């Protein structure tokens, strides 16, 4: 088979999607003030890295006369990580720490009463929020959106401190969520 570079170039629409053209919008429980930078949600400017979500359709085997037949199972969703640049005001870090404190108190391991846990009529519990990842084209227009439903922080990484470096601090937040959908 001959290499078809011309067809490859034609098939790579607009020169291919760029992994650096994205932003993330965090939503917070109503009891937490969302950090802002001007008119922007801070996460839109300070989330340095993330990923388009993964999902897996499981399978299981049903045996018939000793022969395994694979059957599609339930969809599962992995955790989702965001790497966040830490500003000197610690605004996003503070908000996520407060959120996690409301979910599970450091001393008593109790949930704060101001965080509703009601999941009636399809609503999220108050501690669960929806998040959005937007992928942009090179023209600046949104080409794809992913919405995470029922997300909440489950792990916050350490921030490394070191006299031998002048790097800007960053940290990772791991999120658990119920599901995601693409929004076109």
N, C-alpha and C. Protein backbone atom coordinates (compact mmCIF):
# COMPACT_ATOMS: atom_id res chain seq x y z
N UNK A 1 0.84 -1.18 0.00
CA UNK A 1 0.00 0.00 0.00
C UNK A 1 0.89 1.24 0.00
N UNK A 2 0.58 2.17 -0.85
CA UNK A 2 1.35 3.40 -0.96
C UNK A 2 0.91 4.38 0.13
N UNK A 3 1.84 5.23 0.54
CA UNK A 3 1.50 6.26 1.50
C UNK A 3 0.75 7.37 0.79
N UNK A 4 -0.35 7.79 1.36
CA UNK A 4 -1.19 8.81 0.74
C UNK A 4 -1.17 10.07 1.59
N UNK A 5 -0.08 10.80 1.53
CA UNK A 5 0.09 11.99 2.35
C UNK A 5 -0.96 13.04 2.04
N UNK A 6 -1.31 13.18 0.79
CA UNK A 6 -2.31 14.17 0.40
C UNK A 6 -3.66 13.87 1.06
N UNK A 7 -4.07 12.60 1.02
CA UNK A 7 -5.34 12.23 1.64
C UNK A 7 -5.28 12.40 3.16
N UNK A 8 -4.12 12.07 3.73
CA UNK A 8 -3.95 12.25 5.17
C UNK A 8 -4.13 13.72 5.55
N UNK A 9 -3.49 14.62 4.80
CA UNK A 9 -3.59 16.04 5.08
C UNK A 9 -5.01 16.54 4.90
N UNK A 10 -5.72 16.01 3.91
CA UNK A 10 -7.12 16.40 3.71
C UNK A 10 -8.00 15.90 4.85
N UNK A 11 -7.67 14.72 5.36
CA UNK A 11 -8.46 14.14 6.43
C UNK A 11 -8.21 14.77 7.79
N UNK A 12 -7.13 15.47 7.95
CA UNK A 12 -6.80 16.12 9.21
C UNK A 12 -7.41 17.52 9.20
N UNK A 13 -8.69 17.57 9.52
CA UNK A 13 -9.46 18.81 9.42
C UNK A 13 -8.81 19.95 10.19
N UNK A 14 -8.66 21.07 9.56
CA UNK A 14 -8.11 22.30 10.15
C UNK A 14 -6.72 22.10 10.74
N UNK A 15 -6.01 21.06 10.34
CA UNK A 15 -4.67 20.82 10.84
C UNK A 15 -4.62 20.08 12.17
N UNK A 16 -5.76 19.56 12.63
CA UNK A 16 -5.79 18.78 13.88
C UNK A 16 -6.10 19.64 15.09
N UNK A 17 -6.77 19.03 16.06
CA UNK A 17 -7.11 19.73 17.31
C UNK A 17 -5.86 19.93 18.15
N UNK A 18 -5.79 21.04 18.85
CA UNK A 18 -4.64 21.37 19.69
C UNK A 18 -4.99 21.12 21.16
N UNK A 19 -4.14 20.37 21.86
CA UNK A 19 -4.42 20.02 23.25
C UNK A 19 -4.31 21.21 24.20
N UNK A 20 -3.72 22.30 23.75
CA UNK A 20 -3.57 23.48 24.63
C UNK A 20 -4.75 24.44 24.53
N UNK A 21 -5.67 24.21 23.62
CA UNK A 21 -6.78 25.15 23.43
C UNK A 21 -8.02 24.64 24.17
N UNK A 22 -8.09 24.93 25.46
CA UNK A 22 -9.19 24.46 26.29
C UNK A 22 -9.35 25.39 27.49
N UNK A 23 -10.48 25.30 28.14
CA UNK A 23 -10.62 25.85 29.48
C UNK A 23 -11.61 25.00 30.25
N UNK A 24 -11.61 25.18 31.57
CA UNK A 24 -12.45 24.41 32.47
C UNK A 24 -13.25 25.39 33.32
N UNK A 25 -14.53 25.11 33.49
CA UNK A 25 -15.38 25.94 34.34
C UNK A 25 -15.82 25.11 35.55
N UNK A 26 -15.36 25.51 36.73
CA UNK A 26 -15.81 24.88 37.97
C UNK A 26 -17.09 25.57 38.43
N UNK A 27 -17.98 24.80 39.01
CA UNK A 27 -19.13 25.32 39.74
C UNK A 27 -18.91 24.91 41.18
N UNK A 28 -19.37 25.74 42.11
CA UNK A 28 -19.17 25.47 43.53
C UNK A 28 -20.51 25.38 44.24
N UNK A 29 -20.56 24.70 45.38
CA UNK A 29 -21.79 24.73 46.19
C UNK A 29 -22.13 26.18 46.53
N UNK A 30 -23.41 26.45 46.73
CA UNK A 30 -23.85 27.83 46.94
C UNK A 30 -23.24 28.48 48.18
N UNK A 31 -22.82 27.70 49.16
CA UNK A 31 -22.23 28.27 50.38
C UNK A 31 -20.77 28.69 50.18
N UNK A 32 -20.20 28.41 49.01
CA UNK A 32 -18.80 28.76 48.73
C UNK A 32 -18.78 29.83 47.65
N UNK A 33 -18.05 30.90 47.90
CA UNK A 33 -17.92 31.98 46.91
C UNK A 33 -16.96 31.53 45.82
N UNK A 34 -17.43 31.55 44.58
CA UNK A 34 -16.59 31.14 43.45
C UNK A 34 -15.49 32.17 43.22
N UNK A 35 -14.23 31.73 43.20
CA UNK A 35 -13.12 32.67 42.94
C UNK A 35 -13.23 33.25 41.54
N UNK A 36 -13.01 34.56 41.44
CA UNK A 36 -13.10 35.27 40.17
C UNK A 36 -11.79 36.00 39.88
N UNK A 37 -11.47 36.12 38.61
CA UNK A 37 -10.41 37.01 38.14
C UNK A 37 -11.08 37.92 37.12
N UNK A 38 -11.37 39.13 37.54
CA UNK A 38 -12.15 40.03 36.68
C UNK A 38 -13.53 39.43 36.48
N UNK A 39 -13.93 39.26 35.23
CA UNK A 39 -15.24 38.67 34.93
C UNK A 39 -15.17 37.16 34.74
N UNK A 40 -13.99 36.58 34.86
CA UNK A 40 -13.80 35.15 34.63
C UNK A 40 -13.88 34.35 35.92
N UNK A 41 -14.45 33.16 35.82
CA UNK A 41 -14.31 32.16 36.86
C UNK A 41 -12.82 31.82 36.88
N UNK A 42 -12.18 31.85 38.04
CA UNK A 42 -10.72 31.63 38.12
C UNK A 42 -10.28 30.35 37.43
N UNK A 43 -11.11 29.32 37.49
CA UNK A 43 -10.72 28.04 36.89
C UNK A 43 -10.51 28.17 35.38
N UNK A 44 -11.23 29.09 34.73
CA UNK A 44 -11.08 29.25 33.28
C UNK A 44 -9.68 29.71 32.91
N UNK A 45 -9.01 30.40 33.84
CA UNK A 45 -7.68 30.92 33.57
C UNK A 45 -6.56 30.12 34.23
N UNK A 46 -6.84 29.47 35.36
CA UNK A 46 -5.76 28.86 36.14
C UNK A 46 -5.72 27.33 36.09
N UNK A 47 -6.70 26.68 35.45
CA UNK A 47 -6.57 25.23 35.26
C UNK A 47 -5.62 25.03 34.10
N UNK A 48 -4.44 24.51 34.42
CA UNK A 48 -3.34 24.38 33.46
C UNK A 48 -3.44 23.11 32.62
N UNK A 49 -3.96 22.06 33.21
CA UNK A 49 -4.03 20.77 32.51
C UNK A 49 -5.22 19.97 33.00
N UNK A 50 -5.79 19.22 32.11
CA UNK A 50 -6.87 18.30 32.43
C UNK A 50 -6.94 17.28 31.31
N UNK A 51 -8.04 16.57 31.22
CA UNK A 51 -8.18 15.60 30.14
C UNK A 51 -9.62 15.56 29.69
N UNK A 52 -9.79 15.15 28.45
CA UNK A 52 -11.13 14.81 27.98
C UNK A 52 -11.45 13.48 28.65
N UNK A 53 -12.64 13.35 29.18
CA UNK A 53 -12.94 12.20 30.04
C UNK A 53 -12.91 10.85 29.32
N UNK A 54 -12.58 9.85 30.11
CA UNK A 54 -12.63 8.47 29.63
C UNK A 54 -13.93 7.83 30.11
N UNK A 55 -14.37 6.82 29.44
CA UNK A 55 -15.46 6.00 29.95
C UNK A 55 -15.29 4.60 29.39
N UNK A 56 -15.81 3.66 30.12
CA UNK A 56 -15.65 2.26 29.76
C UNK A 56 -16.99 1.56 29.83
N UNK A 57 -17.29 0.79 28.83
CA UNK A 57 -18.46 -0.09 28.90
C UNK A 57 -17.93 -1.46 29.31
N UNK A 58 -18.32 -1.87 30.48
CA UNK A 58 -17.86 -3.16 30.98
C UNK A 58 -18.49 -4.31 30.23
N UNK A 59 -18.00 -5.49 30.52
CA UNK A 59 -18.61 -6.69 29.93
C UNK A 59 -18.55 -7.80 30.96
N UNK A 60 -19.37 -8.76 30.76
CA UNK A 60 -19.33 -9.95 31.60
C UNK A 60 -19.60 -11.16 30.71
N UNK A 61 -19.28 -12.29 31.24
CA UNK A 61 -19.43 -13.51 30.47
C UNK A 61 -20.63 -14.32 30.97
N UNK A 62 -21.38 -14.81 30.02
CA UNK A 62 -22.47 -15.75 30.30
C UNK A 62 -22.06 -17.06 29.63
N UNK A 63 -22.10 -18.13 30.39
CA UNK A 63 -21.65 -19.42 29.85
C UNK A 63 -22.84 -20.25 29.38
N UNK A 64 -22.65 -20.84 28.22
CA UNK A 64 -23.65 -21.76 27.67
C UNK A 64 -22.91 -23.00 27.19
N UNK A 65 -23.14 -24.11 27.82
CA UNK A 65 -22.48 -25.37 27.50
C UNK A 65 -20.96 -25.22 27.46
N UNK A 66 -20.44 -24.51 28.45
CA UNK A 66 -19.00 -24.36 28.57
C UNK A 66 -18.39 -23.29 27.66
N UNK A 67 -19.19 -22.65 26.85
CA UNK A 67 -18.69 -21.60 25.96
C UNK A 67 -19.07 -20.24 26.53
N UNK A 68 -18.10 -19.36 26.63
CA UNK A 68 -18.35 -18.02 27.16
C UNK A 68 -18.89 -17.11 26.05
N UNK A 69 -19.97 -16.42 26.38
CA UNK A 69 -20.54 -15.42 25.49
C UNK A 69 -20.39 -14.08 26.20
N UNK A 70 -19.73 -13.15 25.56
CA UNK A 70 -19.52 -11.84 26.17
C UNK A 70 -20.75 -10.96 25.94
N UNK A 71 -21.18 -10.32 27.03
CA UNK A 71 -22.37 -9.48 27.00
C UNK A 71 -21.97 -8.09 27.53
N UNK A 72 -22.48 -7.06 26.89
CA UNK A 72 -22.18 -5.70 27.33
C UNK A 72 -22.75 -5.45 28.71
N UNK A 73 -21.95 -4.78 29.55
CA UNK A 73 -22.36 -4.47 30.92
C UNK A 73 -22.65 -3.00 31.07
N UNK A 74 -22.39 -2.49 32.25
CA UNK A 74 -22.68 -1.10 32.57
C UNK A 74 -21.50 -0.20 32.22
N UNK A 75 -21.82 1.06 31.94
CA UNK A 75 -20.79 2.06 31.69
C UNK A 75 -20.25 2.54 33.03
N UNK A 76 -18.95 2.70 33.11
CA UNK A 76 -18.31 3.26 34.30
C UNK A 76 -17.46 4.46 33.89
N UNK A 77 -17.25 5.33 34.84
CA UNK A 77 -16.50 6.55 34.58
C UNK A 77 -15.33 6.63 35.54
N UNK A 78 -14.14 6.87 35.03
CA UNK A 78 -12.95 7.03 35.85
C UNK A 78 -12.99 8.38 36.57
N UNK A 79 -12.09 8.58 37.49
CA UNK A 79 -11.96 9.90 38.10
C UNK A 79 -11.39 10.87 37.07
N UNK A 80 -11.47 12.14 37.37
CA UNK A 80 -11.03 13.20 36.46
C UNK A 80 -10.06 14.10 37.22
N UNK A 81 -8.91 14.39 36.64
CA UNK A 81 -7.90 15.21 37.30
C UNK A 81 -7.76 16.57 36.62
N UNK A 82 -7.53 17.58 37.45
CA UNK A 82 -7.21 18.91 36.94
C UNK A 82 -5.94 19.38 37.64
N UNK A 83 -5.03 19.99 36.88
CA UNK A 83 -3.84 20.60 37.44
C UNK A 83 -4.06 22.10 37.45
N UNK A 84 -3.91 22.71 38.62
CA UNK A 84 -4.29 24.11 38.83
C UNK A 84 -3.06 24.92 39.24
N UNK A 85 -2.88 26.07 38.59
CA UNK A 85 -1.81 27.00 38.96
C UNK A 85 -2.27 27.71 40.23
N UNK A 86 -1.39 27.76 41.23
CA UNK A 86 -1.73 28.39 42.50
C UNK A 86 -1.28 29.84 42.49
N UNK A 87 -2.23 30.75 42.67
CA UNK A 87 -1.91 32.16 42.79
C UNK A 87 -1.65 32.48 44.25
N UNK A 88 -1.06 33.62 44.54
CA UNK A 88 -0.72 33.96 45.92
C UNK A 88 -1.93 34.13 46.82
N UNK A 89 -3.11 34.34 46.24
CA UNK A 89 -4.31 34.43 47.08
C UNK A 89 -4.90 33.06 47.42
N UNK A 90 -4.36 31.99 46.83
CA UNK A 90 -4.82 30.62 47.09
C UNK A 90 -6.33 30.48 46.86
N UNK A 91 -6.93 31.29 46.01
CA UNK A 91 -8.39 31.35 45.89
C UNK A 91 -9.01 30.01 45.51
N UNK A 92 -8.51 29.36 44.46
CA UNK A 92 -9.10 28.08 44.06
C UNK A 92 -8.81 27.02 45.11
N UNK A 93 -7.58 26.98 45.59
CA UNK A 93 -7.21 26.00 46.63
C UNK A 93 -8.10 26.17 47.86
N UNK A 94 -8.27 27.41 48.31
CA UNK A 94 -9.13 27.67 49.47
C UNK A 94 -10.56 27.19 49.23
N UNK A 95 -11.10 27.49 48.05
CA UNK A 95 -12.48 27.10 47.75
C UNK A 95 -12.62 25.57 47.75
N UNK A 96 -11.65 24.87 47.16
CA UNK A 96 -11.73 23.40 47.12
C UNK A 96 -11.54 22.82 48.52
N UNK A 97 -10.61 23.39 49.30
CA UNK A 97 -10.44 22.92 50.68
C UNK A 97 -11.71 23.13 51.50
N UNK A 98 -12.36 24.28 51.32
CA UNK A 98 -13.62 24.55 52.02
C UNK A 98 -14.70 23.56 51.59
N UNK A 99 -14.76 23.28 50.29
CA UNK A 99 -15.72 22.32 49.75
C UNK A 99 -15.52 20.95 50.38
N UNK A 100 -14.27 20.51 50.41
CA UNK A 100 -13.96 19.20 51.00
C UNK A 100 -14.25 19.19 52.50
N UNK A 101 -14.03 20.32 53.17
CA UNK A 101 -14.33 20.43 54.60
C UNK A 101 -15.84 20.30 54.83
N UNK A 102 -16.65 20.88 53.95
CA UNK A 102 -18.10 20.76 54.08
C UNK A 102 -18.56 19.32 53.89
N UNK A 103 -17.88 18.60 52.99
CA UNK A 103 -18.23 17.20 52.73
C UNK A 103 -17.84 16.32 53.91
N UNK A 104 -16.64 16.54 54.44
CA UNK A 104 -16.13 15.72 55.53
C UNK A 104 -15.21 16.54 56.42
N UNK A 105 -15.70 16.87 57.61
CA UNK A 105 -14.98 17.68 58.57
C UNK A 105 -13.68 16.99 58.98
N UNK A 106 -12.59 17.76 59.13
CA UNK A 106 -11.29 17.23 59.53
C UNK A 106 -11.33 16.54 60.89
N UNK A 107 -12.03 17.13 61.85
CA UNK A 107 -12.03 16.59 63.21
C UNK A 107 -13.03 15.47 63.40
N UNK A 108 -14.25 15.70 62.97
CA UNK A 108 -15.34 14.80 63.33
C UNK A 108 -15.77 13.84 62.22
N UNK A 109 -15.27 14.06 61.01
CA UNK A 109 -15.67 13.25 59.87
C UNK A 109 -17.18 13.30 59.66
N UNK A 110 -17.74 14.51 59.81
CA UNK A 110 -19.17 14.71 59.61
C UNK A 110 -19.39 15.66 58.44
N UNK A 111 -20.57 15.62 57.86
CA UNK A 111 -20.92 16.51 56.75
C UNK A 111 -21.60 17.74 57.32
N UNK A 112 -21.24 18.90 56.80
CA UNK A 112 -21.82 20.15 57.26
C UNK A 112 -23.30 20.19 56.92
N UNK A 113 -24.10 20.74 57.84
CA UNK A 113 -25.56 20.79 57.64
C UNK A 113 -25.98 21.71 56.51
N UNK A 114 -25.11 22.68 56.15
CA UNK A 114 -25.47 23.58 55.05
C UNK A 114 -25.34 22.92 53.68
N UNK A 115 -24.73 21.73 53.64
CA UNK A 115 -24.62 20.99 52.38
C UNK A 115 -25.79 20.01 52.31
N UNK A 116 -26.72 20.30 51.44
CA UNK A 116 -27.88 19.43 51.29
C UNK A 116 -27.45 18.09 50.70
N UNK A 117 -28.00 17.03 51.21
CA UNK A 117 -27.72 15.71 50.66
C UNK A 117 -28.93 15.15 49.93
N UNK A 118 -29.94 15.99 49.73
CA UNK A 118 -31.15 15.55 49.05
C UNK A 118 -30.86 15.25 47.58
N UNK A 119 -31.33 14.11 47.14
CA UNK A 119 -31.17 13.75 45.74
C UNK A 119 -32.56 13.44 45.16
N UNK A 120 -33.56 14.16 45.64
CA UNK A 120 -34.93 13.94 45.19
C UNK A 120 -35.14 14.48 43.79
N UNK A 121 -35.98 13.82 43.03
CA UNK A 121 -36.38 14.26 41.70
C UNK A 121 -35.20 14.54 40.78
N UNK A 122 -34.15 13.73 40.89
CA UNK A 122 -33.04 13.82 39.97
C UNK A 122 -32.06 14.94 40.25
N UNK A 123 -32.26 15.70 41.33
CA UNK A 123 -31.33 16.78 41.66
C UNK A 123 -30.04 16.21 42.23
N UNK A 124 -28.95 16.95 42.05
CA UNK A 124 -27.70 16.62 42.73
C UNK A 124 -27.81 17.01 44.19
N UNK A 125 -27.13 16.30 45.04
CA UNK A 125 -26.93 16.78 46.39
C UNK A 125 -26.15 18.09 46.28
N UNK A 126 -26.29 18.97 47.24
CA UNK A 126 -25.65 20.29 47.18
C UNK A 126 -24.13 20.21 47.00
N UNK A 127 -23.50 19.18 47.57
CA UNK A 127 -22.04 19.08 47.46
C UNK A 127 -21.59 18.62 46.08
N UNK A 128 -22.52 18.18 45.25
CA UNK A 128 -22.20 17.78 43.87
C UNK A 128 -22.53 18.93 42.93
N UNK A 129 -21.60 19.23 42.03
CA UNK A 129 -21.80 20.31 41.09
C UNK A 129 -21.43 19.84 39.68
N UNK A 130 -21.89 20.58 38.69
CA UNK A 130 -21.56 20.27 37.30
C UNK A 130 -20.35 21.09 36.86
N UNK A 131 -19.49 20.47 36.08
CA UNK A 131 -18.28 21.10 35.57
C UNK A 131 -18.29 21.02 34.04
N UNK A 132 -17.56 21.91 33.40
CA UNK A 132 -17.53 21.93 31.93
C UNK A 132 -16.08 22.06 31.45
N UNK A 133 -15.72 21.25 30.46
CA UNK A 133 -14.46 21.39 29.74
C UNK A 133 -14.81 21.81 28.32
N UNK A 134 -14.21 22.91 27.87
CA UNK A 134 -14.43 23.39 26.51
C UNK A 134 -13.15 23.21 25.72
N UNK A 135 -13.27 22.63 24.53
CA UNK A 135 -12.15 22.50 23.60
C UNK A 135 -12.38 23.54 22.50
N UNK A 136 -11.35 24.36 22.23
CA UNK A 136 -11.47 25.42 21.23
C UNK A 136 -10.74 25.04 19.95
N UNK A 137 -11.24 25.57 18.84
CA UNK A 137 -10.53 25.48 17.58
C UNK A 137 -9.52 26.61 17.49
N UNK A 138 -8.69 26.57 16.48
CA UNK A 138 -7.67 27.62 16.32
C UNK A 138 -8.29 28.98 16.01
N UNK A 139 -9.57 29.00 15.63
CA UNK A 139 -10.26 30.26 15.39
C UNK A 139 -10.87 30.84 16.67
N UNK A 140 -10.69 30.14 17.81
CA UNK A 140 -11.20 30.62 19.09
C UNK A 140 -12.62 30.20 19.40
N UNK A 141 -13.26 29.50 18.48
CA UNK A 141 -14.63 29.06 18.70
C UNK A 141 -14.64 27.69 19.38
N UNK A 142 -15.66 27.47 20.21
CA UNK A 142 -15.79 26.19 20.91
C UNK A 142 -16.15 25.11 19.88
N UNK A 143 -15.34 24.04 19.83
CA UNK A 143 -15.62 22.95 18.90
C UNK A 143 -16.24 21.74 19.62
N UNK A 144 -16.06 21.68 20.94
CA UNK A 144 -16.61 20.55 21.70
C UNK A 144 -16.69 20.94 23.16
N UNK A 145 -17.76 20.53 23.84
CA UNK A 145 -17.91 20.73 25.28
C UNK A 145 -18.19 19.39 25.93
N UNK A 146 -17.61 19.20 27.09
CA UNK A 146 -17.89 18.03 27.92
C UNK A 146 -18.44 18.53 29.24
N UNK A 147 -19.60 18.03 29.64
CA UNK A 147 -20.16 18.41 30.92
C UNK A 147 -20.11 17.22 31.86
N UNK A 148 -19.52 17.46 33.04
CA UNK A 148 -19.44 16.45 34.09
C UNK A 148 -20.59 16.71 35.05
N UNK A 149 -21.43 15.72 35.27
CA UNK A 149 -22.58 15.87 36.15
C UNK A 149 -22.27 15.27 37.52
N UNK A 150 -22.65 16.00 38.57
CA UNK A 150 -22.50 15.50 39.93
C UNK A 150 -21.06 15.35 40.36
N UNK A 151 -20.22 16.32 40.04
CA UNK A 151 -18.79 16.25 40.38
C UNK A 151 -18.53 16.83 41.77
N UNK A 152 -17.55 16.26 42.44
CA UNK A 152 -17.07 16.80 43.71
C UNK A 152 -15.62 16.38 43.92
N UNK A 153 -14.85 17.21 44.65
CA UNK A 153 -13.43 16.91 44.84
C UNK A 153 -13.24 15.76 45.83
N UNK A 154 -12.34 14.83 45.48
CA UNK A 154 -12.08 13.70 46.37
C UNK A 154 -10.62 13.63 46.81
N UNK A 155 -9.72 14.31 46.10
CA UNK A 155 -8.31 14.31 46.50
C UNK A 155 -7.67 15.61 46.05
N UNK A 156 -6.87 16.17 46.92
CA UNK A 156 -6.15 17.40 46.64
C UNK A 156 -4.68 17.12 46.90
N UNK A 157 -3.86 17.31 45.88
CA UNK A 157 -2.44 16.96 46.02
C UNK A 157 -1.70 17.97 46.90
N UNK A 158 -0.53 17.56 47.33
CA UNK A 158 0.36 18.45 48.08
C UNK A 158 0.88 19.52 47.14
N UNK A 159 1.31 20.64 47.72
CA UNK A 159 2.02 21.67 46.97
C UNK A 159 3.47 21.59 47.45
N UNK A 160 4.37 21.28 46.54
CA UNK A 160 5.78 21.15 46.90
C UNK A 160 6.41 22.52 47.08
N UNK A 161 7.15 22.66 48.17
CA UNK A 161 7.89 23.88 48.47
C UNK A 161 9.38 23.53 48.44
N UNK A 162 10.19 24.44 47.86
CA UNK A 162 11.60 24.11 47.67
C UNK A 162 12.40 25.40 47.50
N UNK A 163 13.40 25.63 48.35
CA UNK A 163 14.23 26.82 48.23
C UNK A 163 15.05 26.83 46.94
N UNK A 164 15.24 25.67 46.34
CA UNK A 164 16.08 25.56 45.15
C UNK A 164 15.35 25.76 43.84
N UNK A 165 14.11 26.22 43.87
CA UNK A 165 13.37 26.41 42.62
C UNK A 165 12.61 27.73 42.66
N UNK A 166 12.34 28.26 41.49
CA UNK A 166 11.53 29.47 41.38
C UNK A 166 10.27 29.20 40.57
N UNK A 167 9.87 27.94 40.51
CA UNK A 167 8.67 27.56 39.76
C UNK A 167 7.42 28.11 40.44
N UNK A 168 6.41 28.38 39.64
CA UNK A 168 5.11 28.76 40.18
C UNK A 168 4.45 27.50 40.73
N UNK A 169 3.84 27.62 41.89
CA UNK A 169 3.19 26.47 42.52
C UNK A 169 2.01 25.99 41.69
N UNK A 170 1.80 24.69 41.73
CA UNK A 170 0.60 24.10 41.14
C UNK A 170 0.23 22.88 41.96
N UNK A 171 -1.02 22.48 41.82
CA UNK A 171 -1.51 21.31 42.53
C UNK A 171 -2.55 20.61 41.68
N UNK A 172 -2.85 19.38 42.04
CA UNK A 172 -3.81 18.58 41.29
C UNK A 172 -5.03 18.31 42.17
N UNK A 173 -6.19 18.40 41.57
CA UNK A 173 -7.43 18.01 42.25
C UNK A 173 -8.02 16.85 41.47
N UNK A 174 -8.38 15.79 42.20
CA UNK A 174 -9.05 14.65 41.60
C UNK A 174 -10.53 14.75 41.91
N UNK A 175 -11.33 14.60 40.87
CA UNK A 175 -12.79 14.73 40.98
C UNK A 175 -13.45 13.39 40.71
N UNK A 176 -14.51 13.13 41.43
CA UNK A 176 -15.39 12.00 41.15
C UNK A 176 -16.69 12.60 40.63
N UNK A 177 -17.33 11.93 39.71
CA UNK A 177 -18.55 12.46 39.11
C UNK A 177 -19.47 11.31 38.73
N UNK A 178 -20.72 11.62 38.51
CA UNK A 178 -21.71 10.59 38.18
C UNK A 178 -21.63 10.15 36.72
N UNK A 179 -21.50 11.13 35.83
CA UNK A 179 -21.45 10.83 34.40
C UNK A 179 -21.01 12.07 33.65
N UNK A 180 -20.72 11.91 32.37
CA UNK A 180 -20.45 13.06 31.51
C UNK A 180 -21.19 12.89 30.20
N UNK A 181 -21.43 14.02 29.56
CA UNK A 181 -22.04 14.05 28.22
C UNK A 181 -21.30 15.08 27.38
N UNK A 182 -21.32 14.87 26.08
CA UNK A 182 -20.81 15.92 25.19
C UNK A 182 -21.96 16.86 24.87
N UNK A 183 -21.61 18.13 24.76
CA UNK A 183 -22.59 19.16 24.40
C UNK A 183 -22.09 19.77 23.11
N UNK A 184 -22.89 19.75 22.09
CA UNK A 184 -22.48 20.28 20.79
C UNK A 184 -23.08 21.65 20.55
